[in-house]
Amino acid sequence: MTDFISSISKSPNFPYRGEFDVILFADILEHVRDPAAVLRRSLPCLGPNGETIISPPDDSDRGMRDRSYRRFFTLGGIKRLMSDSSCRIRDLVSTPLPIQLVFPVTEHCLFAPMHELHYLLIRTWRTLFAYQFILSVTAD
């Protein structure tokens, strides 16, 4: 992983033009020195209707942090990054904390109303209750 992150951080241009429908940056951009530059360099790789999917950890994801993390993103930080990268946000989804994985007992149907309330809170106030943001972006 370190070699991959180093290569996308230092490469002046990616060797592809218009070849991809989707580029996925899942938990990658927080590791690179200049995520805006990496995103800008990736845009020419997309085909005419291509999109980039980005899922950065948010700034509350402290438990997963290791020394390779250079930053965490707030919702405002993600939006600034997209603007700095010449990207337009097509869709932004907030994901919940996977409570069923953390507390397996909550998989029981009795907890279904609690999960619905959790999802409602995320849709209502995603900057407080979201576990992670997933973005679909295109070139601006």
C-alpha atoms as a PDB file:
ATOM      1  CA  MET A   1       0.000   0.000   0.000  1.00  0.00           C
ATOM      2  CA  THR A   2       2.814   2.411   0.806  1.00  0.00           C
ATOM      3  CA  ASP A   3       4.316   1.942  -2.678  1.00  0.00           C
ATOM      4  CA  PHE A   4       0.937   2.579  -4.322  1.00  0.00           C
ATOM      5  CA  ILE A   5       0.287   5.733  -2.306  1.00  0.00           C
ATOM      6  CA  SER A   6       3.805   6.958  -2.987  1.00  0.00           C
ATOM      7  CA  SER A   7       3.384   6.368  -6.736  1.00  0.00           C
ATOM      8  CA  ILE A   8       0.059   8.221  -7.035  1.00  0.00           C
ATOM      9  CA  SER A   9       1.408  11.080  -4.935  1.00  0.00           C
ATOM     10  CA  LYS A  10       4.530  11.595  -7.041  1.00  0.00           C
ATOM     11  CA  SER A  11       3.393  10.710 -10.567  1.00  0.00           C
ATOM     12  CA  PRO A  12       2.921  13.909 -12.583  1.00  0.00           C
ATOM     13  CA  ASN A  13       0.224  12.311 -14.761  1.00  0.00           C
ATOM     14  CA  PHE A  14      -1.586   9.034 -14.895  1.00  0.00           C
ATOM     15  CA  PRO A  15      -0.922   7.135 -18.142  1.00  0.00           C
ATOM     16  CA  TYR A  16      -4.590   6.749 -19.147  1.00  0.00           C
ATOM     17  CA  ARG A  17      -6.942   9.078 -21.022  1.00  0.00           C
ATOM     18  CA  GLY A  18     -10.705   8.628 -21.151  1.00  0.00           C
ATOM     19  CA  GLU A  19     -10.507   4.912 -20.392  1.00  0.00           C
ATOM     20  CA  PHE A  20     -12.451   4.442 -17.165  1.00  0.00           C
ATOM     21  CA  ASP A  21     -16.111   4.657 -16.254  1.00  0.00           C
ATOM     22  CA  VAL A  22     -15.330   4.728 -12.531  1.00  0.00           C
ATOM     23  CA  ILE A  23     -12.279   5.547 -10.431  1.00  0.00           C
ATOM     24  CA  LEU A  24     -12.469   4.507  -6.801  1.00  0.00           C
ATOM     25  CA  PHE A  25     -10.605   6.272  -3.999  1.00  0.00           C
ATOM     26  CA  ALA A  26     -11.738   4.219  -1.008  1.00  0.00           C
ATOM     27  CA  ASP A  27      -9.781   5.263   2.069  1.00  0.00           C
ATOM     28  CA  ILE A  28      -6.855   6.509  -0.045  1.00  0.00           C
ATOM     29  CA  LEU A  29      -6.919  10.309  -0.155  1.00  0.00           C
ATOM     30  CA  GLU A  30      -6.214  10.720   3.564  1.00  0.00           C
ATOM     31  CA  HIS A  31      -2.810   9.102   3.000  1.00  0.00           C
ATOM     32  CA  VAL A  32      -1.496  11.284   0.170  1.00  0.00           C
ATOM     33  CA  ARG A  33       0.361  14.561   0.546  1.00  0.00           C
ATOM     34  CA  ASP A  34      -1.815  16.534  -1.889  1.00  0.00           C
ATOM     35  CA  PRO A  35      -5.215  14.879  -2.426  1.00  0.00           C
ATOM     36  CA  ALA A  36      -6.459  17.743  -4.617  1.00  0.00           C
ATOM     37  CA  ALA A  37      -3.584  17.208  -7.057  1.00  0.00           C
ATOM     38  CA  VAL A  38      -4.208  13.450  -7.127  1.00  0.00           C
ATOM     39  CA  LEU A  39      -7.884  14.019  -7.917  1.00  0.00           C
ATOM     40  CA  ARG A  40      -7.110  16.606 -10.617  1.00  0.00           C
ATOM     41  CA  ARG A  41      -4.632  14.217 -12.270  1.00  0.00           C
ATOM     42  CA  SER A  42      -7.166  11.384 -12.205  1.00  0.00           C
ATOM     43  CA  LEU A  43      -9.962  13.305 -13.955  1.00  0.00           C
ATOM     44  CA  PRO A  44      -8.561  12.951 -17.515  1.00  0.00           C
ATOM     45  CA  CYS A  45      -8.598   9.161 -17.020  1.00  0.00           C
ATOM     46  CA  LEU A  46     -12.403   9.174 -16.926  1.00  0.00           C
ATOM     47  CA  GLY A  47     -14.530   8.491 -19.964  1.00  0.00           C
ATOM     48  CA  PRO A  48     -17.260  10.911 -21.114  1.00  0.00           C
ATOM     49  CA  ASN A  49     -19.781   9.814 -18.467  1.00  0.00           C
ATOM     50  CA  GLY A  50     -17.209   8.723 -15.910  1.00  0.00           C
ATOM     51  CA  GLU A  51     -17.359   9.365 -12.219  1.00  0.00           C
ATOM     52  CA  THR A  52     -15.046   9.132  -9.261  1.00  0.00           C
ATOM     53  CA  ILE A  53     -16.230   7.504  -6.050  1.00  0.00           C
ATOM     54  CA  ILE A  54     -14.543   8.782  -2.903  1.00  0.00           C
ATOM     55  CA  SER A  55     -14.931   7.481   0.643  1.00  0.00           C
ATOM     56  CA  PRO A  56     -12.626   9.323   3.025  1.00  0.00           C
ATOM     57  CA  PRO A  57     -12.803   8.610   6.736  1.00  0.00           C
ATOM     58  CA  ASP A  58     -14.284  11.486   8.678  1.00  0.00           C
ATOM     59  CA  ASP A  59     -12.513  13.361  11.432  1.00  0.00           C
ATOM     60  CA  SER A  60     -14.191  11.313  14.169  1.00  0.00           C
ATOM     61  CA  ASP A  61     -12.710   8.045  12.903  1.00  0.00           C
ATOM     62  CA  ARG A  62      -9.844   8.237  15.415  1.00  0.00           C
ATOM     63  CA  GLY A  63      -9.744   4.508  16.184  1.00  0.00           C
ATOM     64  CA  MET A  64      -8.554   3.654  12.695  1.00  0.00           C
ATOM     65  CA  ARG A  65      -5.770   6.216  12.536  1.00  0.00           C
ATOM     66  CA  ASP A  66      -2.206   5.038  12.014  1.00  0.00           C
ATOM     67  CA  ARG A  67       0.985   6.887  11.151  1.00  0.00           C
ATOM     68  CA  SER A  68       0.295   6.775   7.408  1.00  0.00           C
ATOM     69  CA  TYR A  69      -2.754   9.078   7.779  1.00  0.00           C
ATOM     70  CA  ARG A  70      -1.981  12.644   6.794  1.00  0.00           C
ATOM     71  CA  ARG A  71      -5.471  14.071   7.403  1.00  0.00           C
ATOM     72  CA  PHE A  72      -9.104  13.408   8.207  1.00  0.00           C
ATOM     73  CA  PHE A  73     -11.995  15.154   6.521  1.00  0.00           C
ATOM     74  CA  THR A  74     -14.983  17.037   7.861  1.00  0.00           C
ATOM     75  CA  LEU A  75     -17.903  17.526   5.496  1.00  0.00           C
ATOM     76  CA  GLY A  76     -16.736  21.097   4.885  1.00  0.00           C
ATOM     77  CA  GLY A  77     -13.207  19.840   4.229  1.00  0.00           C
ATOM     78  CA  ILE A  78     -14.485  17.339   1.678  1.00  0.00           C
ATOM     79  CA  LYS A  79     -16.440  20.047  -0.117  1.00  0.00           C
ATOM     80  CA  ARG A  80     -13.380  22.343  -0.182  1.00  0.00           C
ATOM     81  CA  LEU A  81     -11.268  19.478  -1.511  1.00  0.00           C
ATOM     82  CA  MET A  82     -13.761  18.911  -4.339  1.00  0.00           C
ATOM     83  CA  SER A  83     -13.732  22.602  -5.208  1.00  0.00           C
ATOM     84  CA  ASP A  84      -9.908  22.720  -5.109  1.00  0.00           C
ATOM     85  CA  SER A  85      -9.806  19.613  -7.322  1.00  0.00           C
ATOM     86  CA  SER A  86     -12.129  20.959 -10.032  1.00  0.00           C
ATOM     87  CA  CYS A  87     -14.698  18.320  -9.099  1.00  0.00           C
ATOM     88  CA  ARG A  88     -18.465  18.651  -8.871  1.00  0.00           C
ATOM     89  CA  ILE A  89     -20.265  16.571  -6.258  1.00  0.00           C
ATOM     90  CA  ARG A  90     -22.936  14.538  -8.020  1.00  0.00           C
ATOM     91  CA  ASP A  91     -24.090  12.662  -4.936  1.00  0.00           C
ATOM     92  CA  LEU A  92     -23.150  12.606  -1.261  1.00  0.00           C
ATOM     93  CA  VAL A  93     -24.286   9.783   0.995  1.00  0.00           C
ATOM     94  CA  SER A  94     -23.795   9.558   4.739  1.00  0.00           C
ATOM     95  CA  THR A  95     -23.266   6.085   6.129  1.00  0.00           C
ATOM     96  CA  PRO A  96     -24.154   4.946   9.630  1.00  0.00           C
ATOM     97  CA  LEU A  97     -21.891   3.350  12.165  1.00  0.00           C
ATOM     98  CA  PRO A  98     -22.285  -0.402  11.551  1.00  0.00           C
ATOM     99  CA  ILE A  99     -23.903  -0.993  14.932  1.00  0.00           C
ATOM    100  CA  GLN A 100     -24.747  -4.600  14.048  1.00  0.00           C
ATOM    101  CA  LEU A 101     -21.035  -5.326  13.622  1.00  0.00           C
ATOM    102  CA  VAL A 102     -20.049  -3.551  16.813  1.00  0.00           C
ATOM    103  CA  PHE A 103     -22.906  -5.043  18.855  1.00  0.00           C
ATOM    104  CA  PRO A 104     -24.037  -8.265  17.121  1.00  0.00           C
ATOM    105  CA  VAL A 105     -26.949  -8.685  19.501  1.00  0.00           C
ATOM    106  CA  THR A 106     -28.635  -5.723  17.742  1.00  0.00           C
ATOM    107  CA  GLU A 107     -29.132  -7.819  14.604  1.00  0.00           C
ATOM    108  CA  HIS A 108     -32.292  -9.190  16.219  1.00  0.00           C
ATOM    109  CA  CYS A 109     -35.536  -7.804  14.747  1.00  0.00           C
ATOM    110  CA  LEU A 110     -36.419  -6.223  18.089  1.00  0.00           C
ATOM    111  CA  PHE A 111     -33.727  -3.624  17.396  1.00  0.00           C
ATOM    112  CA  ALA A 112     -35.110  -2.689  13.953  1.00  0.00           C
ATOM    113  CA  PRO A 113     -36.818   0.493  15.263  1.00  0.00           C
ATOM    114  CA  MET A 114     -33.527   1.606  16.829  1.00  0.00           C
ATOM    115  CA  HIS A 115     -31.741   1.152  13.489  1.00  0.00           C
ATOM    116  CA  GLU A 116     -34.461   3.114  11.674  1.00  0.00           C
ATOM    117  CA  LEU A 117     -34.084   5.929  14.191  1.00  0.00           C
ATOM    118  CA  HIS A 118     -30.317   5.824  13.706  1.00  0.00           C
ATOM    119  CA  TYR A 119     -30.718   6.158   9.906  1.00  0.00           C
ATOM    120  CA  LEU A 120     -33.210   9.004  10.385  1.00  0.00           C
ATOM    121  CA  LEU A 121     -30.731  10.858  12.602  1.00  0.00           C
ATOM    122  CA  ILE A 122     -28.014  10.456   9.966  1.00  0.00           C
ATOM    123  CA  ARG A 123     -30.262  11.812   7.211  1.00  0.00           C
ATOM    124  CA  THR A 124     -31.337  14.691   9.480  1.00  0.00           C
ATOM    125  CA  TRP A 125     -27.961  15.700  10.937  1.00  0.00           C
ATOM    126  CA  ARG A 126     -25.248  13.947   9.008  1.00  0.00           C
ATOM    127  CA  THR A 127     -22.394  16.093  10.258  1.00  0.00           C
ATOM    128  CA  LEU A 128     -22.999  14.798  13.775  1.00  0.00           C
ATOM    129  CA  PHE A 129     -24.216  11.232  13.281  1.00  0.00           C
ATOM    130  CA  ALA A 130     -22.576   9.999  10.057  1.00  0.00           C
ATOM    131  CA  TYR A 131     -19.831   7.412  10.298  1.00  0.00           C
ATOM    132  CA  GLN A 132     -18.458   8.072   6.830  1.00  0.00           C
ATOM    133  CA  PHE A 133     -19.286  10.031   3.691  1.00  0.00           C
ATOM    134  CA  ILE A 134     -19.341   8.511   0.214  1.00  0.00           C
ATOM    135  CA  LEU A 135     -19.198  10.883  -2.727  1.00  0.00           C
ATOM    136  CA  SER A 136     -19.781  10.506  -6.416  1.00  0.00           C
ATOM    137  CA  VAL A 137     -17.973  13.294  -8.255  1.00  0.00           C
ATOM    138  CA  THR A 138     -17.370  14.341 -11.845  1.00  0.00           C
ATOM    139  CA  ALA A 139     -15.117  16.877 -13.499  1.00  0.00           C
ATOM    140  CA  ASP A 140     -16.396  20.412 -12.962  1.00  0.00           C
END
